[in-house]
């Protein structure tokens, strides 16, 4: 979470994911939000960098996300055809290995983040 003197101005969520090959210690990134009047000032990038550093320090093995490859490449995320998520076009599903080998298989996010959940 990012705050100024009086309010929360940004947020980045990291939650555990399940991978069909049994890999453990992997997390999903998202959602990320920054107050509209404060966007494009580096707050979101700082939140992502801090989250990556915190997960690396705590023994996280990697992070997956659905997002713009051009944006997330700056943090080291890349598409990997051996890792898939049925909820998005493959070119938008990316991973960042923090430690060890890249997993192989299907990724499942927590039900709260499923695009298929009912309203």
N, C-alpha and C. Protein backbone atom coordinates (compact mmCIF):
# COMPACT_ATOMS: atom_id res chain seq x y z
N UNK A 1 0.84 -1.16 0.00
CA UNK A 1 0.00 0.00 0.00
C UNK A 1 0.90 1.24 0.00
N UNK A 2 0.48 2.26 -0.72
CA UNK A 2 1.19 3.54 -0.73
C UNK A 2 0.26 4.59 -0.13
N UNK A 3 0.82 5.43 0.71
CA UNK A 3 0.04 6.47 1.37
C UNK A 3 0.72 7.81 1.22
N UNK A 4 -0.09 8.87 1.24
CA UNK A 4 0.48 10.20 1.41
C UNK A 4 0.17 10.60 2.86
N UNK A 5 0.19 11.85 3.18
CA UNK A 5 -0.01 12.27 4.57
C UNK A 5 -1.42 11.98 5.09
N UNK A 6 -2.40 11.85 4.19
CA UNK A 6 -3.79 11.74 4.66
C UNK A 6 -4.58 10.56 4.13
N UNK A 7 -4.05 9.83 3.14
CA UNK A 7 -4.88 8.79 2.54
C UNK A 7 -4.05 7.73 1.83
N UNK A 8 -4.71 6.63 1.49
CA UNK A 8 -4.10 5.60 0.67
C UNK A 8 -4.14 6.08 -0.78
N UNK A 9 -3.00 6.03 -1.47
CA UNK A 9 -2.94 6.50 -2.85
C UNK A 9 -2.64 5.40 -3.86
N UNK A 10 -2.27 4.21 -3.36
CA UNK A 10 -1.98 3.11 -4.26
C UNK A 10 -1.97 1.78 -3.54
N UNK A 11 -2.11 0.72 -4.33
CA UNK A 11 -2.23 -0.61 -3.77
C UNK A 11 -1.78 -1.64 -4.79
N UNK A 12 -1.06 -2.66 -4.35
CA UNK A 12 -0.71 -3.80 -5.20
C UNK A 12 -0.94 -5.06 -4.38
N UNK A 13 -1.70 -6.00 -4.95
CA UNK A 13 -2.01 -7.25 -4.25
C UNK A 13 -1.19 -8.39 -4.82
N UNK A 14 -0.67 -9.22 -3.94
CA UNK A 14 0.02 -10.45 -4.30
C UNK A 14 -0.69 -11.57 -3.55
N UNK A 15 -1.12 -12.60 -4.27
CA UNK A 15 -1.81 -13.72 -3.63
C UNK A 15 -1.25 -15.03 -4.17
N UNK A 16 -1.32 -16.07 -3.36
CA UNK A 16 -0.81 -17.38 -3.77
C UNK A 16 -1.58 -17.91 -4.97
N UNK A 17 -0.87 -18.61 -5.84
CA UNK A 17 -1.49 -19.31 -6.97
C UNK A 17 -1.15 -20.79 -6.86
N UNK A 18 -1.92 -21.59 -7.57
CA UNK A 18 -1.69 -23.03 -7.66
C UNK A 18 -1.20 -23.33 -9.07
N UNK A 19 -0.19 -24.19 -9.18
CA UNK A 19 0.34 -24.59 -10.47
C UNK A 19 0.22 -26.10 -10.58
N UNK A 20 -0.26 -26.57 -11.72
CA UNK A 20 -0.58 -27.99 -11.88
C UNK A 20 0.62 -28.92 -11.74
N UNK A 21 1.84 -28.43 -11.89
CA UNK A 21 3.01 -29.30 -11.70
C UNK A 21 3.41 -29.44 -10.23
N UNK A 22 2.66 -28.79 -9.34
CA UNK A 22 2.94 -28.89 -7.91
C UNK A 22 3.93 -27.87 -7.38
N UNK A 23 4.41 -26.98 -8.23
CA UNK A 23 5.35 -25.95 -7.78
C UNK A 23 4.72 -25.13 -6.66
N UNK A 24 5.51 -24.84 -5.65
CA UNK A 24 5.02 -24.05 -4.52
C UNK A 24 5.77 -22.73 -4.43
N UNK A 25 5.21 -21.80 -3.69
CA UNK A 25 5.86 -20.52 -3.47
C UNK A 25 5.66 -19.52 -4.59
N UNK A 26 4.62 -19.73 -5.40
CA UNK A 26 4.32 -18.82 -6.50
C UNK A 26 3.12 -17.96 -6.16
N UNK A 27 3.16 -16.71 -6.65
CA UNK A 27 2.14 -15.71 -6.33
C UNK A 27 1.64 -15.05 -7.60
N UNK A 28 0.41 -14.58 -7.53
CA UNK A 28 -0.16 -13.78 -8.60
C UNK A 28 -0.12 -12.32 -8.21
N UNK A 29 0.20 -11.46 -9.16
CA UNK A 29 0.22 -10.01 -8.94
C UNK A 29 -1.03 -9.42 -9.55
N UNK A 30 -1.75 -8.67 -8.76
CA UNK A 30 -2.93 -7.96 -9.24
C UNK A 30 -4.09 -8.13 -8.29
N UNK A 31 -4.92 -7.18 -8.19
CA UNK A 31 -4.89 -5.92 -8.95
C UNK A 31 -3.89 -4.92 -8.39
N UNK A 32 -3.59 -3.94 -9.24
CA UNK A 32 -2.75 -2.81 -8.88
C UNK A 32 -3.58 -1.56 -9.13
N UNK A 33 -3.57 -0.65 -8.18
CA UNK A 33 -4.34 0.57 -8.38
C UNK A 33 -3.57 1.78 -7.84
N UNK A 34 -3.77 2.91 -8.51
CA UNK A 34 -3.20 4.18 -8.07
C UNK A 34 -4.30 5.23 -8.27
N UNK A 35 -4.44 6.12 -7.31
CA UNK A 35 -5.46 7.17 -7.39
C UNK A 35 -5.32 7.89 -8.74
N UNK A 36 -6.44 8.13 -9.42
CA UNK A 36 -6.39 8.72 -10.77
C UNK A 36 -5.52 9.97 -10.91
N UNK A 37 -5.59 10.88 -9.99
CA UNK A 37 -4.80 12.10 -10.10
C UNK A 37 -3.32 11.92 -9.85
N UNK A 38 -2.93 10.73 -9.42
CA UNK A 38 -1.52 10.48 -9.09
C UNK A 38 -0.87 9.44 -10.00
N UNK A 39 -1.58 9.03 -11.03
CA UNK A 39 -1.03 8.04 -11.95
C UNK A 39 0.09 8.65 -12.79
N UNK A 40 0.95 7.77 -13.30
CA UNK A 40 2.10 8.15 -14.14
C UNK A 40 3.14 8.96 -13.36
N UNK A 41 3.22 8.70 -12.05
CA UNK A 41 4.24 9.34 -11.23
C UNK A 41 5.17 8.32 -10.58
N UNK A 42 5.04 7.04 -10.96
CA UNK A 42 5.94 6.02 -10.45
C UNK A 42 5.44 5.28 -9.22
N UNK A 43 4.24 5.59 -8.75
CA UNK A 43 3.73 4.94 -7.55
C UNK A 43 3.48 3.45 -7.81
N UNK A 44 2.83 3.13 -8.91
CA UNK A 44 2.57 1.74 -9.24
C UNK A 44 3.86 0.96 -9.42
N UNK A 45 4.81 1.53 -10.11
CA UNK A 45 6.11 0.87 -10.31
C UNK A 45 6.81 0.62 -8.98
N UNK A 46 6.75 1.60 -8.09
CA UNK A 46 7.38 1.44 -6.78
C UNK A 46 6.70 0.32 -5.99
N UNK A 47 5.38 0.24 -6.07
CA UNK A 47 4.66 -0.83 -5.38
C UNK A 47 5.05 -2.21 -5.93
N UNK A 48 5.15 -2.31 -7.24
CA UNK A 48 5.53 -3.58 -7.86
C UNK A 48 6.95 -3.96 -7.46
N UNK A 49 7.89 -3.02 -7.54
CA UNK A 49 9.28 -3.31 -7.18
C UNK A 49 9.39 -3.73 -5.71
N UNK A 50 8.67 -3.04 -4.84
CA UNK A 50 8.70 -3.40 -3.41
C UNK A 50 8.12 -4.78 -3.19
N UNK A 51 7.00 -5.09 -3.85
CA UNK A 51 6.39 -6.41 -3.71
C UNK A 51 7.31 -7.51 -4.19
N UNK A 52 7.98 -7.31 -5.31
CA UNK A 52 8.93 -8.29 -5.83
C UNK A 52 10.06 -8.50 -4.81
N UNK A 53 10.60 -7.41 -4.29
CA UNK A 53 11.70 -7.50 -3.32
C UNK A 53 11.24 -8.23 -2.05
N UNK A 54 10.05 -7.90 -1.56
CA UNK A 54 9.54 -8.54 -0.35
C UNK A 54 9.33 -10.05 -0.56
N UNK A 55 8.78 -10.43 -1.71
CA UNK A 55 8.58 -11.86 -1.99
C UNK A 55 9.92 -12.58 -2.14
N UNK A 56 10.86 -11.95 -2.79
CA UNK A 56 12.19 -12.57 -2.95
C UNK A 56 12.82 -12.78 -1.57
N UNK A 57 12.74 -11.77 -0.72
CA UNK A 57 13.33 -11.84 0.62
C UNK A 57 12.65 -12.90 1.50
N UNK A 58 11.35 -13.11 1.30
CA UNK A 58 10.62 -14.06 2.13
C UNK A 58 10.62 -15.48 1.55
N UNK A 59 11.36 -15.70 0.48
CA UNK A 59 11.48 -17.05 -0.07
C UNK A 59 10.51 -17.39 -1.18
N UNK A 60 9.79 -16.40 -1.70
CA UNK A 60 8.90 -16.65 -2.83
C UNK A 60 9.70 -17.14 -4.02
N UNK A 61 9.11 -18.04 -4.78
CA UNK A 61 9.82 -18.63 -5.93
C UNK A 61 9.51 -17.92 -7.24
N UNK A 62 8.34 -17.25 -7.31
CA UNK A 62 8.02 -16.55 -8.54
C UNK A 62 6.66 -15.88 -8.50
N UNK A 63 6.41 -15.12 -9.54
CA UNK A 63 5.19 -14.32 -9.64
C UNK A 63 4.64 -14.46 -11.06
N UNK A 64 3.33 -14.57 -11.16
CA UNK A 64 2.65 -14.57 -12.45
C UNK A 64 1.67 -13.40 -12.49
N UNK A 65 1.30 -13.00 -13.69
CA UNK A 65 0.31 -11.93 -13.84
C UNK A 65 -0.28 -11.96 -15.23
N UNK A 66 -1.39 -11.27 -15.36
CA UNK A 66 -2.00 -11.01 -16.66
C UNK A 66 -1.89 -9.51 -16.88
N UNK A 67 -1.18 -9.11 -17.94
CA UNK A 67 -1.01 -7.69 -18.17
C UNK A 67 -0.25 -7.41 -19.46
N UNK A 68 -0.02 -6.14 -19.70
CA UNK A 68 0.65 -5.66 -20.90
C UNK A 68 2.12 -6.05 -20.90
N UNK A 69 2.53 -6.90 -21.85
CA UNK A 69 3.93 -7.33 -21.88
C UNK A 69 4.92 -6.16 -21.97
N UNK A 70 4.58 -5.13 -22.69
CA UNK A 70 5.49 -3.99 -22.84
C UNK A 70 5.73 -3.29 -21.51
N UNK A 71 4.71 -3.23 -20.66
CA UNK A 71 4.85 -2.59 -19.36
C UNK A 71 5.61 -3.48 -18.38
N UNK A 72 5.21 -4.72 -18.25
CA UNK A 72 5.76 -5.59 -17.21
C UNK A 72 7.15 -6.13 -17.53
N UNK A 73 7.58 -6.04 -18.76
CA UNK A 73 8.94 -6.46 -19.11
C UNK A 73 9.99 -5.67 -18.33
N UNK A 74 9.68 -4.43 -18.02
CA UNK A 74 10.65 -3.59 -17.28
C UNK A 74 10.97 -4.13 -15.89
N UNK A 75 10.08 -5.01 -15.38
CA UNK A 75 10.31 -5.62 -14.07
C UNK A 75 10.88 -7.03 -14.19
N UNK A 76 11.08 -7.49 -15.43
CA UNK A 76 11.63 -8.81 -15.66
C UNK A 76 10.61 -9.88 -16.00
N UNK A 77 9.34 -9.53 -16.12
CA UNK A 77 8.32 -10.51 -16.47
C UNK A 77 8.44 -10.88 -17.95
N UNK A 78 8.13 -12.13 -18.25
CA UNK A 78 8.15 -12.59 -19.64
C UNK A 78 7.12 -13.69 -19.85
N UNK A 79 6.69 -13.82 -21.08
CA UNK A 79 5.78 -14.91 -21.45
C UNK A 79 6.56 -16.21 -21.49
N UNK A 80 5.91 -17.29 -21.11
CA UNK A 80 6.53 -18.60 -21.11
C UNK A 80 5.48 -19.60 -21.57
N UNK A 81 5.61 -20.15 -22.77
CA UNK A 81 4.59 -21.07 -23.29
C UNK A 81 4.40 -22.33 -22.44
N UNK A 82 5.37 -22.66 -21.59
CA UNK A 82 5.24 -23.85 -20.73
C UNK A 82 4.35 -23.59 -19.53
N UNK A 83 4.00 -22.34 -19.30
CA UNK A 83 3.15 -21.95 -18.18
C UNK A 83 1.93 -21.27 -18.77
N UNK A 84 0.75 -21.72 -18.39
CA UNK A 84 -0.45 -21.16 -19.03
C UNK A 84 -1.55 -20.86 -18.01
N UNK A 85 -2.41 -19.95 -18.44
CA UNK A 85 -3.58 -19.57 -17.66
C UNK A 85 -4.73 -19.45 -18.65
N UNK A 86 -5.76 -20.25 -18.44
CA UNK A 86 -6.88 -20.29 -19.38
C UNK A 86 -7.74 -19.03 -19.37
N UNK A 87 -7.53 -18.12 -18.43
CA UNK A 87 -8.36 -16.92 -18.33
C UNK A 87 -7.87 -15.74 -19.14
N UNK A 88 -6.82 -15.91 -19.95
CA UNK A 88 -6.29 -14.77 -20.72
C UNK A 88 -5.58 -15.26 -21.97
N UNK A 89 -5.43 -14.36 -22.92
CA UNK A 89 -4.63 -14.67 -24.11
C UNK A 89 -3.20 -14.96 -23.67
N UNK A 90 -2.56 -15.98 -24.23
CA UNK A 90 -1.22 -16.36 -23.80
C UNK A 90 -0.20 -15.22 -23.81
N UNK A 91 -0.29 -14.31 -24.76
CA UNK A 91 0.72 -13.24 -24.82
C UNK A 91 0.65 -12.29 -23.64
N UNK A 92 -0.49 -12.26 -22.93
CA UNK A 92 -0.64 -11.39 -21.77
C UNK A 92 -0.33 -12.08 -20.44
N UNK A 93 -0.15 -13.39 -20.46
CA UNK A 93 0.15 -14.11 -19.24
C UNK A 93 1.67 -14.24 -19.11
N UNK A 94 2.22 -13.74 -18.01
CA UNK A 94 3.66 -13.64 -17.86
C UNK A 94 4.11 -14.15 -16.50
N UNK A 95 5.40 -14.45 -16.42
CA UNK A 95 5.95 -14.91 -15.15
C UNK A 95 7.31 -14.27 -14.90
N UNK A 96 7.65 -14.24 -13.62
CA UNK A 96 8.95 -13.77 -13.17
C UNK A 96 9.47 -14.81 -12.17
N UNK A 97 10.56 -15.47 -12.51
CA UNK A 97 11.17 -16.45 -11.61
C UNK A 97 12.04 -15.69 -10.61
N UNK A 98 11.77 -15.92 -9.33
CA UNK A 98 12.58 -15.30 -8.28
C UNK A 98 13.67 -16.25 -7.79
N UNK A 99 13.37 -17.54 -7.81
CA UNK A 99 14.33 -18.54 -7.34
C UNK A 99 13.99 -19.90 -7.96
N UNK A 100 15.01 -20.62 -8.34
CA UNK A 100 14.82 -21.97 -8.87
C UNK A 100 14.41 -21.98 -10.33
N UNK A 101 13.81 -23.10 -10.71
CA UNK A 101 13.40 -23.30 -12.10
C UNK A 101 11.99 -22.77 -12.34
N UNK A 102 11.72 -22.44 -13.58
CA UNK A 102 10.37 -22.02 -13.97
C UNK A 102 9.45 -23.24 -13.94
N UNK A 103 8.24 -23.06 -13.42
CA UNK A 103 7.30 -24.18 -13.41
C UNK A 103 6.73 -24.42 -14.81
N UNK A 104 6.05 -25.56 -14.94
CA UNK A 104 5.39 -25.92 -16.20
C UNK A 104 3.97 -26.35 -15.84
N UNK A 105 2.99 -25.88 -16.60
CA UNK A 105 1.63 -26.33 -16.37
C UNK A 105 0.64 -25.20 -16.33
N UNK A 106 -0.53 -25.53 -15.79
CA UNK A 106 -1.63 -24.57 -15.72
C UNK A 106 -1.64 -23.87 -14.36
N UNK A 107 -1.90 -22.58 -14.40
CA UNK A 107 -1.97 -21.76 -13.19
C UNK A 107 -3.42 -21.49 -12.84
N UNK A 108 -3.73 -21.55 -11.56
CA UNK A 108 -5.05 -21.18 -11.05
C UNK A 108 -4.88 -20.10 -10.00
N UNK A 109 -5.60 -19.00 -10.18
CA UNK A 109 -5.62 -17.93 -9.18
C UNK A 109 -6.67 -18.28 -8.13
N UNK A 110 -6.61 -17.59 -7.01
CA UNK A 110 -7.63 -17.76 -5.98
C UNK A 110 -9.00 -17.45 -6.59
N UNK A 111 -10.05 -18.14 -6.15
CA UNK A 111 -11.38 -17.93 -6.73
C UNK A 111 -11.83 -16.46 -6.77
N UNK A 112 -11.42 -15.66 -5.81
CA UNK A 112 -11.82 -14.25 -5.79
C UNK A 112 -11.31 -13.48 -6.99
N UNK A 113 -10.25 -13.98 -7.64
CA UNK A 113 -9.66 -13.30 -8.79
C UNK A 113 -10.02 -13.94 -10.11
N UNK A 114 -10.91 -14.90 -10.10
CA UNK A 114 -11.30 -15.61 -11.31
C UNK A 114 -12.18 -14.73 -12.18
N UNK A 115 -11.86 -14.68 -13.46
CA UNK A 115 -12.67 -13.91 -14.41
C UNK A 115 -14.02 -14.56 -14.61
N UNK A 116 -14.13 -15.83 -14.27
CA UNK A 116 -15.37 -16.58 -14.49
C UNK A 116 -16.32 -16.54 -13.30
N UNK A 117 -15.92 -15.89 -12.22
CA UNK A 117 -16.78 -15.90 -11.05
C UNK A 117 -18.07 -15.12 -11.31
N UNK A 118 -19.12 -15.50 -10.64
CA UNK A 118 -20.40 -14.83 -10.88
C UNK A 118 -20.52 -13.60 -9.99
N UNK A 119 -21.29 -12.63 -10.46
CA UNK A 119 -21.45 -11.37 -9.74
C UNK A 119 -22.42 -11.49 -8.60
